[in-house]
Amino acid sequence: MIQHITRRNSLANKFKLLVFDEVHHLASTGYIQIAEMYIAPYRMGLTATYERSDQRHSLLPQLVGDPVYSIDVEELKGEHLSPYNYEKISVGLTPQEQQIYESQMEIFRSFLRGEN
């Protein structure tokens, strides 16, 4: 255990620049310590999905700094992304299916809130 902590601390002081890919995950309760343990003064976060449904993206500026560049997916459509259509299709559920869905969604929301 002590060797692991020592090794981790030596890495924490080794790098001046950290690049976090998929930075939106860094705000999760299980990953936030990664950013907190390093003292690197220069940090960059990359992601295509900055905002999180649990609003924990509000923690990212203190971990990696404020966003400096973003582009809307609509601006990429057709030139950098293949053309696509977004369609939302509603599906009717039986009362039993609706109950199962709501139960499962509550488990998911609880996880996002960090309760599990």
PDB file of N, CA and C in Angstrom:
ATOM      1  N   MET A   1       0.818  -1.191   0.000  1.00  0.00           N
ATOM      2  CA  MET A   1       0.000   0.000   0.000  1.00  0.00           C
ATOM      3  C   MET A   1       0.863   1.257   0.000  1.00  0.00           C
ATOM      4  N   ILE A   2       1.882   1.307   0.839  1.00  0.00           N
ATOM      5  CA  ILE A   2       2.743   2.490   0.908  1.00  0.00           C
ATOM      6  C   ILE A   2       3.496   2.680  -0.405  1.00  0.00           C
ATOM      7  N   GLN A   3       3.972   1.590  -1.023  1.00  0.00           N
ATOM      8  CA  GLN A   3       4.637   1.709  -2.320  1.00  0.00           C
ATOM      9  C   GLN A   3       3.695   2.290  -3.357  1.00  0.00           C
ATOM     10  N   HIS A   4       2.437   1.840  -3.332  1.00  0.00           N
ATOM     11  CA  HIS A   4       1.456   2.347  -4.297  1.00  0.00           C
ATOM     12  C   HIS A   4       1.254   3.851  -4.115  1.00  0.00           C
ATOM     13  N   ILE A   5       1.118   4.300  -2.874  1.00  0.00           N
ATOM     14  CA  ILE A   5       0.925   5.732  -2.605  1.00  0.00           C
ATOM     15  C   ILE A   5       2.152   6.524  -3.029  1.00  0.00           C
ATOM     16  N   THR A   6       3.334   6.008  -2.707  1.00  0.00           N
ATOM     17  CA  THR A   6       4.567   6.700  -3.082  1.00  0.00           C
ATOM     18  C   THR A   6       4.684   6.807  -4.598  1.00  0.00           C
ATOM     19  N   ARG A   7       4.399   5.711  -5.283  1.00  0.00           N
ATOM     20  CA  ARG A   7       4.470   5.723  -6.738  1.00  0.00           C
ATOM     21  C   ARG A   7       3.479   6.725  -7.305  1.00  0.00           C
ATOM     22  N   ARG A   8       2.289   6.737  -6.751  1.00  0.00           N
ATOM     23  CA  ARG A   8       1.257   7.649  -7.234  1.00  0.00           C
ATOM     24  C   ARG A   8       1.679   9.101  -6.986  1.00  0.00           C
ATOM     25  N   ASN A   9       2.237   9.387  -5.817  1.00  0.00           N
ATOM     26  CA  ASN A   9       2.669  10.750  -5.515  1.00  0.00           C
ATOM     27  C   ASN A   9       3.819  11.190  -6.412  1.00  0.00           C
ATOM     28  N   SER A  10       4.727  10.274  -6.737  1.00  0.00           N
ATOM     29  CA  SER A  10       5.836  10.664  -7.603  1.00  0.00           C
ATOM     30  C   SER A  10       5.327  11.021  -8.999  1.00  0.00           C
ATOM     31  N   LEU A  11       4.300  10.322  -9.485  1.00  0.00           N
ATOM     32  CA  LEU A  11       3.710  10.683 -10.772  1.00  0.00           C
ATOM     33  C   LEU A  11       2.973  12.011 -10.685  1.00  0.00           C
ATOM     34  N   ALA A  12       2.382  12.292  -9.547  1.00  0.00           N
ATOM     35  CA  ALA A  12       1.609  13.518  -9.389  1.00  0.00           C
ATOM     36  C   ALA A  12       2.475  14.759  -9.558  1.00  0.00           C
ATOM     37  N   ASN A  13       3.763  14.636  -9.310  1.00  0.00           N
ATOM     38  CA  ASN A  13       4.668  15.776  -9.410  1.00  0.00           C
ATOM     39  C   ASN A  13       5.518  15.752 -10.672  1.00  0.00           C
ATOM     40  N   LYS A  14       5.289  14.800 -11.552  1.00  0.00           N
ATOM     41  CA  LYS A  14       6.170  14.588 -12.690  1.00  0.00           C
ATOM     42  C   LYS A  14       5.771  15.363 -13.941  1.00  0.00           C
ATOM     43  N   PHE A  15       4.483  15.581 -14.160  1.00  0.00           N
ATOM     44  CA  PHE A  15       4.007  16.135 -15.418  1.00  0.00           C
ATOM     45  C   PHE A  15       3.564  17.587 -15.269  1.00  0.00           C
ATOM     46  N   LYS A  16       3.875  18.403 -16.273  1.00  0.00           N
ATOM     47  CA  LYS A  16       3.412  19.794 -16.293  1.00  0.00           C
ATOM     48  C   LYS A  16       2.142  19.946 -17.116  1.00  0.00           C
ATOM     49  N   LEU A  17       1.880  19.007 -18.030  1.00  0.00           N
ATOM     50  CA  LEU A  17       0.686  19.058 -18.869  1.00  0.00           C
ATOM     51  C   LEU A  17      -0.053  17.732 -18.771  1.00  0.00           C
ATOM     52  N   LEU A  18      -1.348  17.825 -18.508  1.00  0.00           N
ATOM     53  CA  LEU A  18      -2.214  16.649 -18.524  1.00  0.00           C
ATOM     54  C   LEU A  18      -3.285  16.861 -19.583  1.00  0.00           C
ATOM     55  N   VAL A  19      -3.537  15.843 -20.372  1.00  0.00           N
ATOM     56  CA  VAL A  19      -4.608  15.875 -21.370  1.00  0.00           C
ATOM     57  C   VAL A  19      -5.597  14.790 -20.982  1.00  0.00           C
ATOM     58  N   PHE A  20      -6.837  15.210 -20.736  1.00  0.00           N
ATOM     59  CA  PHE A  20      -7.897  14.273 -20.363  1.00  0.00           C
ATOM     60  C   PHE A  20      -8.812  14.070 -21.556  1.00  0.00           C
ATOM     61  N   ASP A  21      -8.800  12.864 -22.101  1.00  0.00           N
ATOM     62  CA  ASP A  21      -9.726  12.526 -23.178  1.00  0.00           C
ATOM     63  C   ASP A  21     -11.046  12.118 -22.531  1.00  0.00           C
ATOM     64  N   GLU A  22     -12.158  12.431 -23.180  1.00  0.00           N
ATOM     65  CA  GLU A  22     -13.482  12.158 -22.620  1.00  0.00           C
ATOM     66  C   GLU A  22     -13.605  12.798 -21.230  1.00  0.00           C
ATOM     67  N   VAL A  23     -13.246  14.083 -21.154  1.00  0.00           N
ATOM     68  CA  VAL A  23     -13.134  14.788 -19.875  1.00  0.00           C
ATOM     69  C   VAL A  23     -14.438  14.823 -19.078  1.00  0.00           C
ATOM     70  N   HIS A  24     -15.565  14.650 -19.743  1.00  0.00           N
ATOM     71  CA  HIS A  24     -16.826  14.668 -18.996  1.00  0.00           C
ATOM     72  C   HIS A  24     -16.866  13.554 -17.944  1.00  0.00           C
ATOM     73  N   HIS A  25     -16.126  12.476 -18.145  1.00  0.00           N
ATOM     74  CA  HIS A  25     -16.073  11.406 -17.150  1.00  0.00           C
ATOM     75  C   HIS A  25     -15.279  11.825 -15.912  1.00  0.00           C
ATOM     76  N   LEU A  26     -14.396  12.796 -16.052  1.00  0.00           N
ATOM     77  CA  LEU A  26     -13.552  13.231 -14.947  1.00  0.00           C
ATOM     78  C   LEU A  26     -14.373  13.791 -13.787  1.00  0.00           C
ATOM     79  N   ALA A  27     -15.548  14.301 -14.059  1.00  0.00           N
ATOM     80  CA  ALA A  27     -16.396  14.866 -13.009  1.00  0.00           C
ATOM     81  C   ALA A  27     -17.117  13.791 -12.198  1.00  0.00           C
ATOM     82  N   SER A  28     -17.013  12.540 -12.589  1.00  0.00           N
ATOM     83  CA  SER A  28     -17.647  11.454 -11.839  1.00  0.00           C
ATOM     84  C   SER A  28     -16.972  11.288 -10.486  1.00  0.00           C
ATOM     85  N   THR A  29     -17.741  10.843  -9.508  1.00  0.00           N
ATOM     86  CA  THR A  29     -17.182  10.693  -8.161  1.00  0.00           C
ATOM     87  C   THR A  29     -15.995   9.736  -8.141  1.00  0.00           C
ATOM     88  N   GLY A  30     -16.004   8.743  -8.994  1.00  0.00           N
ATOM     89  CA  GLY A  30     -14.899   7.793  -9.024  1.00  0.00           C
ATOM     90  C   GLY A  30     -13.645   8.289  -9.717  1.00  0.00           C
ATOM     91  N   TYR A  31     -13.752   9.323 -10.548  1.00  0.00           N
ATOM     92  CA  TYR A  31     -12.606   9.797 -11.333  1.00  0.00           C
ATOM     93  C   TYR A  31     -12.083  11.170 -10.911  1.00  0.00           C
ATOM     94  N   ILE A  32     -12.839  11.914 -10.155  1.00  0.00           N
ATOM     95  CA  ILE A  32     -12.461  13.291  -9.841  1.00  0.00           C
ATOM     96  C   ILE A  32     -11.112  13.364  -9.118  1.00  0.00           C
ATOM     97  N   GLN A  33     -10.785  12.321  -8.352  1.00  0.00           N
ATOM     98  CA  GLN A  33      -9.514  12.299  -7.635  1.00  0.00           C
ATOM     99  C   GLN A  33      -8.314  12.279  -8.572  1.00  0.00           C
ATOM    100  N   ILE A  34      -8.494  11.795  -9.777  1.00  0.00           N
ATOM    101  CA  ILE A  34      -7.395  11.788 -10.742  1.00  0.00           C
ATOM    102  C   ILE A  34      -6.907  13.215 -10.964  1.00  0.00           C
ATOM    103  N   ALA A  35      -7.835  14.118 -11.222  1.00  0.00           N
ATOM    104  CA  ALA A  35      -7.452  15.513 -11.459  1.00  0.00           C
ATOM    105  C   ALA A  35      -6.948  16.175 -10.188  1.00  0.00           C
ATOM    106  N   GLU A  36      -7.525  15.813  -9.061  1.00  0.00           N
ATOM    107  CA  GLU A  36      -7.136  16.438  -7.799  1.00  0.00           C
ATOM    108  C   GLU A  36      -5.750  16.011  -7.329  1.00  0.00           C
ATOM    109  N   MET A  37      -5.318  14.821  -7.684  1.00  0.00           N
ATOM    110  CA  MET A  37      -4.052  14.319  -7.167  1.00  0.00           C
ATOM    111  C   MET A  37      -2.842  14.855  -7.943  1.00  0.00           C
ATOM    112  N   TYR A  38      -3.036  15.288  -9.169  1.00  0.00           N
ATOM    113  CA  TYR A  38      -1.918  15.821  -9.960  1.00  0.00           C
ATOM    114  C   TYR A  38      -1.800  17.328  -9.753  1.00  0.00           C
ATOM    115  N   ILE A  39      -0.571  17.811  -9.732  1.00  0.00           N
ATOM    116  CA  ILE A  39      -0.350  19.244  -9.537  1.00  0.00           C
ATOM    117  C   ILE A  39      -0.008  19.952 -10.843  1.00  0.00           C
ATOM    118  N   ALA A  40      -0.158  19.266 -11.965  1.00  0.00           N
ATOM    119  CA  ALA A  40       0.191  19.839 -13.270  1.00  0.00           C
ATOM    120  C   ALA A  40      -0.505  21.181 -13.475  1.00  0.00           C
ATOM    121  N   PRO A  41       0.251  22.224 -13.782  1.00  0.00           N
ATOM    122  CA  PRO A  41      -0.359  23.539 -13.963  1.00  0.00           C
ATOM    123  C   PRO A  41      -1.088  23.704 -15.298  1.00  0.00           C
ATOM    124  N   TYR A  42      -0.780  22.864 -16.258  1.00  0.00           N
ATOM    125  CA  TYR A  42      -1.408  22.952 -17.580  1.00  0.00           C
ATOM    126  C   TYR A  42      -2.268  21.714 -17.799  1.00  0.00           C
ATOM    127  N   ARG A  43      -3.530  21.952 -18.143  1.00  0.00           N
ATOM    128  CA  ARG A  43      -4.474  20.858 -18.309  1.00  0.00           C
ATOM    129  C   ARG A  43      -5.366  21.125 -19.509  1.00  0.00           C
ATOM    130  N   MET A  44      -5.705  20.075 -20.212  1.00  0.00           N
ATOM    131  CA  MET A  44      -6.616  20.207 -21.343  1.00  0.00           C
ATOM    132  C   MET A  44      -7.580  19.026 -21.310  1.00  0.00           C
ATOM    133  N   GLY A  45      -8.853  19.338 -21.478  1.00  0.00           N
ATOM    134  CA  GLY A  45      -9.866  18.302 -21.528  1.00  0.00           C
ATOM    135  C   GLY A  45     -10.506  18.254 -22.901  1.00  0.00           C
ATOM    136  N   LEU A  46     -10.674  17.072 -23.430  1.00  0.00           N
ATOM    137  CA  LEU A  46     -11.292  16.870 -24.737  1.00  0.00           C
ATOM    138  C   LEU A  46     -12.564  16.052 -24.566  1.00  0.00           C
ATOM    139  N   THR A  47     -13.616  16.438 -25.246  1.00  0.00           N
ATOM    140  CA  THR A  47     -14.840  15.649 -25.209  1.00  0.00           C
ATOM    141  C   THR A  47     -15.797  16.130 -26.281  1.00  0.00           C
ATOM    142  N   ALA A  48     -16.642  15.240 -26.722  1.00  0.00           N
ATOM    143  CA  ALA A  48     -17.713  15.619 -27.642  1.00  0.00           C
ATOM    144  C   ALA A  48     -19.006  15.851 -26.877  1.00  0.00           C
ATOM    145  N   THR A  49     -19.008  15.500 -25.595  1.00  0.00           N
ATOM    146  CA  THR A  49     -20.231  15.596 -24.789  1.00  0.00           C
ATOM    147  C   THR A  49     -19.906  16.226 -23.439  1.00  0.00           C
ATOM    148  N   TYR A  50     -19.667  17.529 -23.424  1.00  0.00           N
ATOM    149  CA  TYR A  50     -19.254  18.234 -22.211  1.00  0.00           C
ATOM    150  C   TYR A  50     -20.317  18.204 -21.123  1.00  0.00           C
ATOM    151  N   GLU A  51     -21.549  18.497 -21.487  1.00  0.00           N
ATOM    152  CA  GLU A  51     -22.609  18.592 -20.480  1.00  0.00           C
ATOM    153  C   GLU A  51     -23.074  17.211 -20.045  1.00  0.00           C
ATOM    154  N   ARG A  52     -23.315  17.081 -18.751  1.00  0.00           N
ATOM    155  CA  ARG A  52     -23.767  15.829 -18.151  1.00  0.00           C
ATOM    156  C   ARG A  52     -25.175  16.015 -17.609  1.00  0.00           C
ATOM    157  N   SER A  53     -25.959  14.967 -17.640  1.00  0.00           N
ATOM    158  CA  SER A  53     -27.334  15.063 -17.145  1.00  0.00           C
ATOM    159  C   SER A  53     -27.390  15.289 -15.640  1.00  0.00           C
ATOM    160  N   ASP A  54     -26.344  14.907 -14.904  1.00  0.00           N
ATOM    161  CA  ASP A  54     -26.316  15.116 -13.454  1.00  0.00           C
ATOM    162  C   ASP A  54     -25.723  16.475 -13.073  1.00  0.00           C
ATOM    163  N   GLN A  55     -25.419  17.286 -14.070  1.00  0.00           N
ATOM    164  CA  GLN A  55     -24.890  18.647 -13.891  1.00  0.00           C
ATOM    165  C   GLN A  55     -23.476  18.694 -13.291  1.00  0.00           C
ATOM    166  N   ARG A  56     -22.801  17.577 -13.169  1.00  0.00           N
ATOM    167  CA  ARG A  56     -21.454  17.579 -12.597  1.00  0.00           C
ATOM    168  C   ARG A  56     -20.418  18.198 -13.534  1.00  0.00           C
ATOM    169  N   HIS A  57     -20.803  18.518 -14.768  1.00  0.00           N
ATOM    170  CA  HIS A  57     -19.871  19.230 -15.653  1.00  0.00           C
ATOM    171  C   HIS A  57     -19.525  20.602 -15.068  1.00  0.00           C
ATOM    172  N   SER A  58     -20.330  21.082 -14.142  1.00  0.00           N
ATOM    173  CA  SER A  58     -20.022  22.367 -13.488  1.00  0.00           C
ATOM    174  C   SER A  58     -18.747  22.281 -12.649  1.00  0.00           C
ATOM    175  N   LEU A  59     -18.273  21.076 -12.348  1.00  0.00           N
ATOM    176  CA  LEU A  59     -17.022  20.888 -11.611  1.00  0.00           C
ATOM    177  C   LEU A  59     -15.792  20.949 -12.513  1.00  0.00           C
ATOM    178  N   LEU A  60     -15.981  20.771 -13.802  1.00  0.00           N
ATOM    179  CA  LEU A  60     -14.842  20.685 -14.720  1.00  0.00           C
ATOM    180  C   LEU A  60     -13.970  21.935 -14.776  1.00  0.00           C
ATOM    181  N   PRO A  61     -14.535  23.143 -14.744  1.00  0.00           N
ATOM    182  CA  PRO A  61     -13.645  24.309 -14.789  1.00  0.00           C
ATOM    183  C   PRO A  61     -12.608  24.349 -13.674  1.00  0.00           C
ATOM    184  N   GLN A  62     -12.941  23.904 -12.487  1.00  0.00           N
ATOM    185  CA  GLN A  62     -11.945  23.903 -11.412  1.00  0.00           C
ATOM    186  C   GLN A  62     -10.932  22.783 -11.568  1.00  0.00           C
ATOM    187  N   LEU A  63     -11.257  21.769 -12.372  1.00  0.00           N
ATOM    188  CA  LEU A  63     -10.344  20.646 -12.578  1.00  0.00           C
ATOM    189  C   LEU A  63      -9.434  20.835 -13.782  1.00  0.00           C
ATOM    190  N   VAL A  64      -9.980  21.402 -14.870  1.00  0.00           N
ATOM    191  CA  VAL A  64      -9.191  21.545 -16.102  1.00  0.00           C
ATOM    192  C   VAL A  64      -9.266  22.940 -16.707  1.00  0.00           C
ATOM    193  N   GLY A  65     -10.046  23.823 -16.129  1.00  0.00           N
ATOM    194  CA  GLY A  65     -10.206  25.165 -16.680  1.00  0.00           C
ATOM    195  C   GLY A  65     -11.489  25.289 -17.477  1.00  0.00           C
ATOM    196  N   ASP A  66     -11.796  26.505 -17.858  1.00  0.00           N
ATOM    197  CA  ASP A  66     -13.010  26.771 -18.621  1.00  0.00           C
ATOM    198  C   ASP A  66     -12.880  26.273 -20.056  1.00  0.00           C
ATOM    199  N   PRO A  67     -14.003  25.956 -20.689  1.00  0.00           N
ATOM    200  CA  PRO A  67     -13.956  25.580 -22.111  1.00  0.00           C
ATOM    201  C   PRO A  67     -13.396  26.743 -22.943  1.00  0.00           C
ATOM    202  N   VAL A  68     -12.557  26.415 -23.900  1.00  0.00           N
ATOM    203  CA  VAL A  68     -12.000  27.451 -24.765  1.00  0.00           C
ATOM    204  C   VAL A  68     -12.474  27.325 -26.206  1.00  0.00           C
ATOM    205  N   TYR A  69     -13.011  26.173 -26.564  1.00  0.00           N
ATOM    206  CA  TYR A  69     -13.496  26.001 -27.936  1.00  0.00           C
ATOM    207  C   TYR A  69     -14.587  24.945 -27.943  1.00  0.00           C
ATOM    208  N   SER A  70     -15.635  25.241 -28.643  1.00  0.00           N
ATOM    209  CA  SER A  70     -16.673  24.235 -28.865  1.00  0.00           C
ATOM    210  C   SER A  70     -17.337  24.524 -30.199  1.00  0.00           C
ATOM    211  N   ILE A  71     -17.918  23.500 -30.752  1.00  0.00           N
ATOM    212  CA  ILE A  71     -18.614  23.640 -32.024  1.00  0.00           C
ATOM    213  C   ILE A  71     -19.869  22.783 -31.946  1.00  0.00           C
ATOM    214  N   ASP A  72     -20.952  23.298 -32.441  1.00  0.00           N
ATOM    215  CA  ASP A  72     -22.209  22.575 -32.425  1.00  0.00           C
ATOM    216  C   ASP A  72     -22.186  21.470 -33.473  1.00  0.00           C
ATOM    217  N   VAL A  73     -22.781  20.338 -33.140  1.00  0.00           N
ATOM    218  CA  VAL A  73     -22.787  19.206 -34.054  1.00  0.00           C
ATOM    219  C   VAL A  73     -23.423  19.572 -35.395  1.00  0.00           C
ATOM    220  N   GLU A  74     -24.384  20.479 -35.379  1.00  0.00           N
ATOM    221  CA  GLU A  74     -25.025  20.900 -36.630  1.00  0.00           C
ATOM    222  C   GLU A  74     -24.029  21.568 -37.581  1.00  0.00           C
ATOM    223  N   GLU A  75     -23.009  22.229 -37.030  1.00  0.00           N
ATOM    224  CA  GLU A  75     -21.999  22.866 -37.866  1.00  0.00           C
ATOM    225  C   GLU A  75     -21.081  21.845 -38.547  1.00  0.00           C
ATOM    226  N   LEU A  76     -21.023  20.663 -38.028  1.00  0.00           N
ATOM    227  CA  LEU A  76     -20.179  19.602 -38.586  1.00  0.00           C
ATOM    228  C   LEU A  76     -20.923  18.738 -39.592  1.00  0.00           C
ATOM    229  N   LYS A  77     -22.232  18.787 -39.535  1.00  0.00           N
ATOM    230  CA  LYS A  77     -23.077  17.926 -40.361  1.00  0.00           C
ATOM    231  C   LYS A  77     -22.807  18.141 -41.852  1.00  0.00           C
ATOM    232  N   GLY A  78     -22.582  17.041 -42.552  1.00  0.00           N
ATOM    233  CA  GLY A  78     -22.433  17.094 -43.998  1.00  0.00           C
ATOM    234  C   GLY A  78     -21.019  17.307 -44.485  1.00  0.00           C
ATOM    235  N   GLU A  79     -20.191  18.038 -43.734  1.00  0.00           N
ATOM    236  CA  GLU A  79     -18.813  18.262 -44.172  1.00  0.00           C
ATOM    237  C   GLU A  79     -17.840  17.363 -43.399  1.00  0.00           C
ATOM    238  N   HIS A  80     -17.937  17.378 -42.083  1.00  0.00           N
ATOM    239  CA  HIS A  80     -17.043  16.573 -41.253  1.00  0.00           C
ATOM    240  C   HIS A  80     -17.725  15.316 -40.727  1.00  0.00           C
ATOM    241  N   LEU A  81     -19.029  15.335 -40.682  1.00  0.00           N
ATOM    242  CA  LEU A  81     -19.826  14.168 -40.301  1.00  0.00           C
ATOM    243  C   LEU A  81     -20.686  13.767 -41.484  1.00  0.00           C
ATOM    244  N   SER A  82     -20.968  12.509 -41.557  1.00  0.00           N
ATOM    245  CA  SER A  82     -21.896  12.069 -42.592  1.00  0.00           C
ATOM    246  C   SER A  82     -23.269  12.687 -42.323  1.00  0.00           C
ATOM    247  N   PRO A  83     -24.028  12.940 -43.369  1.00  0.00           N
ATOM    248  CA  PRO A  83     -25.380  13.467 -43.147  1.00  0.00           C
ATOM    249  C   PRO A  83     -26.187  12.500 -42.265  1.00  0.00           C
ATOM    250  N   TYR A  84     -27.013  13.060 -41.407  1.00  0.00           N
ATOM    251  CA  TYR A  84     -27.819  12.231 -40.523  1.00  0.00           C
ATOM    252  C   TYR A  84     -29.146  12.933 -40.234  1.00  0.00           C
ATOM    253  N   ASN A  85     -30.090  12.157 -39.786  1.00  0.00           N
ATOM    254  CA  ASN A  85     -31.374  12.674 -39.324  1.00  0.00           C
ATOM    255  C   ASN A  85     -31.576  12.195 -37.901  1.00  0.00           C
ATOM    256  N   TYR A  86     -32.076  13.080 -37.065  1.00  0.00           N
ATOM    257  CA  TYR A  86     -32.385  12.731 -35.685  1.00  0.00           C
ATOM    258  C   TYR A  86     -33.899  12.623 -35.570  1.00  0.00           C
ATOM    259  N   GLU A  87     -34.368  11.479 -35.154  1.00  0.00           N
ATOM    260  CA  GLU A  87     -35.797  11.273 -34.994  1.00  0.00           C
ATOM    261  C   GLU A  87     -36.071  10.686 -33.623  1.00  0.00           C
ATOM    262  N   LYS A  88     -37.018  11.247 -32.930  1.00  0.00           N
ATOM    263  CA  LYS A  88     -37.436  10.712 -31.641  1.00  0.00           C
ATOM    264  C   LYS A  88     -38.741   9.954 -31.874  1.00  0.00           C
ATOM    265  N   ILE A  89     -38.744   8.700 -31.509  1.00  0.00           N
ATOM    266  CA  ILE A  89     -39.910   7.857 -31.733  1.00  0.00           C
ATOM    267  C   ILE A  89     -40.473   7.433 -30.377  1.00  0.00           C
ATOM    268  N   SER A  90     -41.690   7.815 -30.106  1.00  0.00           N
ATOM    269  CA  SER A  90     -42.342   7.410 -28.861  1.00  0.00           C
ATOM    270  C   SER A  90     -42.888   6.001 -28.999  1.00  0.00           C
ATOM    271  N   VAL A  91     -42.748   5.238 -27.942  1.00  0.00           N
ATOM    272  CA  VAL A  91     -43.214   3.855 -27.929  1.00  0.00           C
ATOM    273  C   VAL A  91     -44.159   3.696 -26.745  1.00  0.00           C
ATOM    274  N   GLY A  92     -45.333   3.196 -27.001  1.00  0.00           N
ATOM    275  CA  GLY A  92     -46.284   2.960 -25.927  1.00  0.00           C
ATOM    276  C   GLY A  92     -45.893   1.749 -25.096  1.00  0.00           C
ATOM    277  N   LEU A  93     -46.022   1.862 -23.789  1.00  0.00           N
ATOM    278  CA  LEU A  93     -45.699   0.768 -22.891  1.00  0.00           C
ATOM    279  C   LEU A  93     -46.961   0.314 -22.164  1.00  0.00           C
ATOM    280  N   THR A  94     -46.992  -0.959 -21.877  1.00  0.00           N
ATOM    281  CA  THR A  94     -48.083  -1.460 -21.042  1.00  0.00           C
ATOM    282  C   THR A  94     -47.836  -0.949 -19.617  1.00  0.00           C
ATOM    283  N   PRO A  95     -48.838  -0.936 -18.761  1.00  0.00           N
ATOM    284  CA  PRO A  95     -48.612  -0.508 -17.368  1.00  0.00           C
ATOM    285  C   PRO A  95     -47.477  -1.269 -16.682  1.00  0.00           C
ATOM    286  N   GLN A  96     -47.380  -2.570 -16.934  1.00  0.00           N
ATOM    287  CA  GLN A  96     -46.300  -3.363 -16.341  1.00  0.00           C
ATOM    288  C   GLN A  96     -44.938  -2.929 -16.896  1.00  0.00           C
ATOM    289  N   GLU A  97     -44.844  -2.716 -18.202  1.00  0.00           N
ATOM    290  CA  GLU A  97     -43.588  -2.255 -18.816  1.00  0.00           C
ATOM    291  C   GLU A  97     -43.207  -0.872 -18.297  1.00  0.00           C
ATOM    292  N   GLN A  98     -44.188   0.002 -18.129  1.00  0.00           N
ATOM    293  CA  GLN A  98     -43.930   1.352 -17.620  1.00  0.00           C
ATOM    294  C   GLN A  98     -43.374   1.285 -16.198  1.00  0.00           C
ATOM    295  N   GLN A  99     -43.922   0.412 -15.385  1.00  0.00           N
ATOM    296  CA  GLN A  99     -43.449   0.250 -14.008  1.00  0.00           C
ATOM    297  C   GLN A  99     -42.001  -0.259 -13.995  1.00  0.00           C
ATOM    298  N   ILE A 100     -41.699  -1.235 -14.824  1.00  0.00           N
ATOM    299  CA  ILE A 100     -40.328  -1.755 -14.919  1.00  0.00           C
ATOM    300  C   ILE A 100     -39.382  -0.656 -15.403  1.00  0.00           C
ATOM    301  N   TYR A 101     -39.805   0.094 -16.421  1.00  0.00           N
ATOM    302  CA  TYR A 101     -38.977   1.186 -16.957  1.00  0.00           C
ATOM    303  C   TYR A 101     -38.668   2.214 -15.872  1.00  0.00           C
ATOM    304  N   GLU A 102     -39.686   2.645 -15.156  1.00  0.00           N
ATOM    305  CA  GLU A 102     -39.484   3.660 -14.107  1.00  0.00           C
ATOM    306  C   GLU A 102     -38.577   3.145 -12.997  1.00  0.00           C
ATOM    307  N   SER A 103     -38.734   1.877 -12.637  1.00  0.00           N
ATOM    308  CA  SER A 103     -37.881   1.277 -11.618  1.00  0.00           C
ATOM    309  C   SER A 103     -36.416   1.267 -12.071  1.00  0.00           C
ATOM    310  N   GLN A 104     -36.178   0.859 -13.304  1.00  0.00           N
ATOM    311  CA  GLN A 104     -34.817   0.813 -13.834  1.00  0.00           C
ATOM    312  C   GLN A 104     -34.220   2.209 -13.997  1.00  0.00           C
ATOM    313  N   MET A 105     -35.028   3.162 -14.422  1.00  0.00           N
ATOM    314  CA  MET A 105     -34.549   4.544 -14.569  1.00  0.00           C
ATOM    315  C   MET A 105     -34.180   5.141 -13.209  1.00  0.00           C
ATOM    316  N   GLU A 106     -34.896   4.789 -12.165  1.00  0.00           N
ATOM    317  CA  GLU A 106     -34.554   5.290 -10.826  1.00  0.00           C
ATOM    318  C   GLU A 106     -33.208   4.747 -10.370  1.00  0.00           C
ATOM    319  N   ILE A 107     -32.913   3.504 -10.693  1.00  0.00           N
ATOM    320  CA  ILE A 107     -31.592   2.937 -10.389  1.00  0.00           C
ATOM    321  C   ILE A 107     -30.515   3.728 -11.125  1.00  0.00           C
ATOM    322  N   PHE A 108     -30.746   4.010 -12.394  1.00  0.00           N
ATOM    323  CA  PHE A 108     -29.793   4.770 -13.209  1.00  0.00           C
ATOM    324  C   PHE A 108     -29.604   6.183 -12.652  1.00  0.00           C
ATOM    325  N   ARG A 109     -30.697   6.866 -12.339  1.00  0.00           N
ATOM    326  CA  ARG A 109     -30.605   8.237 -11.804  1.00  0.00           C
ATOM    327  C   ARG A 109     -29.885   8.258 -10.456  1.00  0.00           C
ATOM    328  N   SER A 110     -30.134   7.255  -9.642  1.00  0.00           N
ATOM    329  CA  SER A 110     -29.459   7.139  -8.357  1.00  0.00           C
ATOM    330  C   SER A 110     -27.950   7.014  -8.568  1.00  0.00           C
ATOM    331  N   PHE A 111     -27.560   6.228  -9.554  1.00  0.00           N
ATOM    332  CA  PHE A 111     -26.147   6.079  -9.892  1.00  0.00           C
ATOM    333  C   PHE A 111     -25.562   7.415 -10.324  1.00  0.00           C
ATOM    334  N   LEU A 112     -26.259   8.158 -11.169  1.00  0.00           N
ATOM    335  CA  LEU A 112     -25.765   9.454 -11.636  1.00  0.00           C
ATOM    336  C   LEU A 112     -25.606  10.445 -10.483  1.00  0.00           C
ATOM    337  N   ARG A 113     -26.475  10.356  -9.506  1.00  0.00           N
ATOM    338  CA  ARG A 113     -26.384  11.237  -8.338  1.00  0.00           C
ATOM    339  C   ARG A 113     -25.272  10.797  -7.381  1.00  0.00           C
ATOM    340  N   GLY A 114     -24.652   9.668  -7.662  1.00  0.00           N
ATOM    341  CA  GLY A 114     -23.554   9.182  -6.833  1.00  0.00           C
ATOM    342  C   GLY A 114     -24.022   8.463  -5.587  1.00  0.00           C
ATOM    343  N   GLU A 115     -25.229   7.962  -5.591  1.00  0.00           N
ATOM    344  CA  GLU A 115     -25.777   7.302  -4.418  1.00  0.00           C
ATOM    345  C   GLU A 115     -25.436   5.827  -4.351  1.00  0.00           C
ATOM    346  N   ASN A 116     -24.795   5.295  -5.376  1.00  0.00           N
ATOM    347  CA  ASN A 116     -24.438   3.864  -5.368  1.00  0.00           C
ATOM    348  C   ASN A 116     -22.956   3.698  -5.315  1.00  0.00           C
TER     349      ASN A 116
END
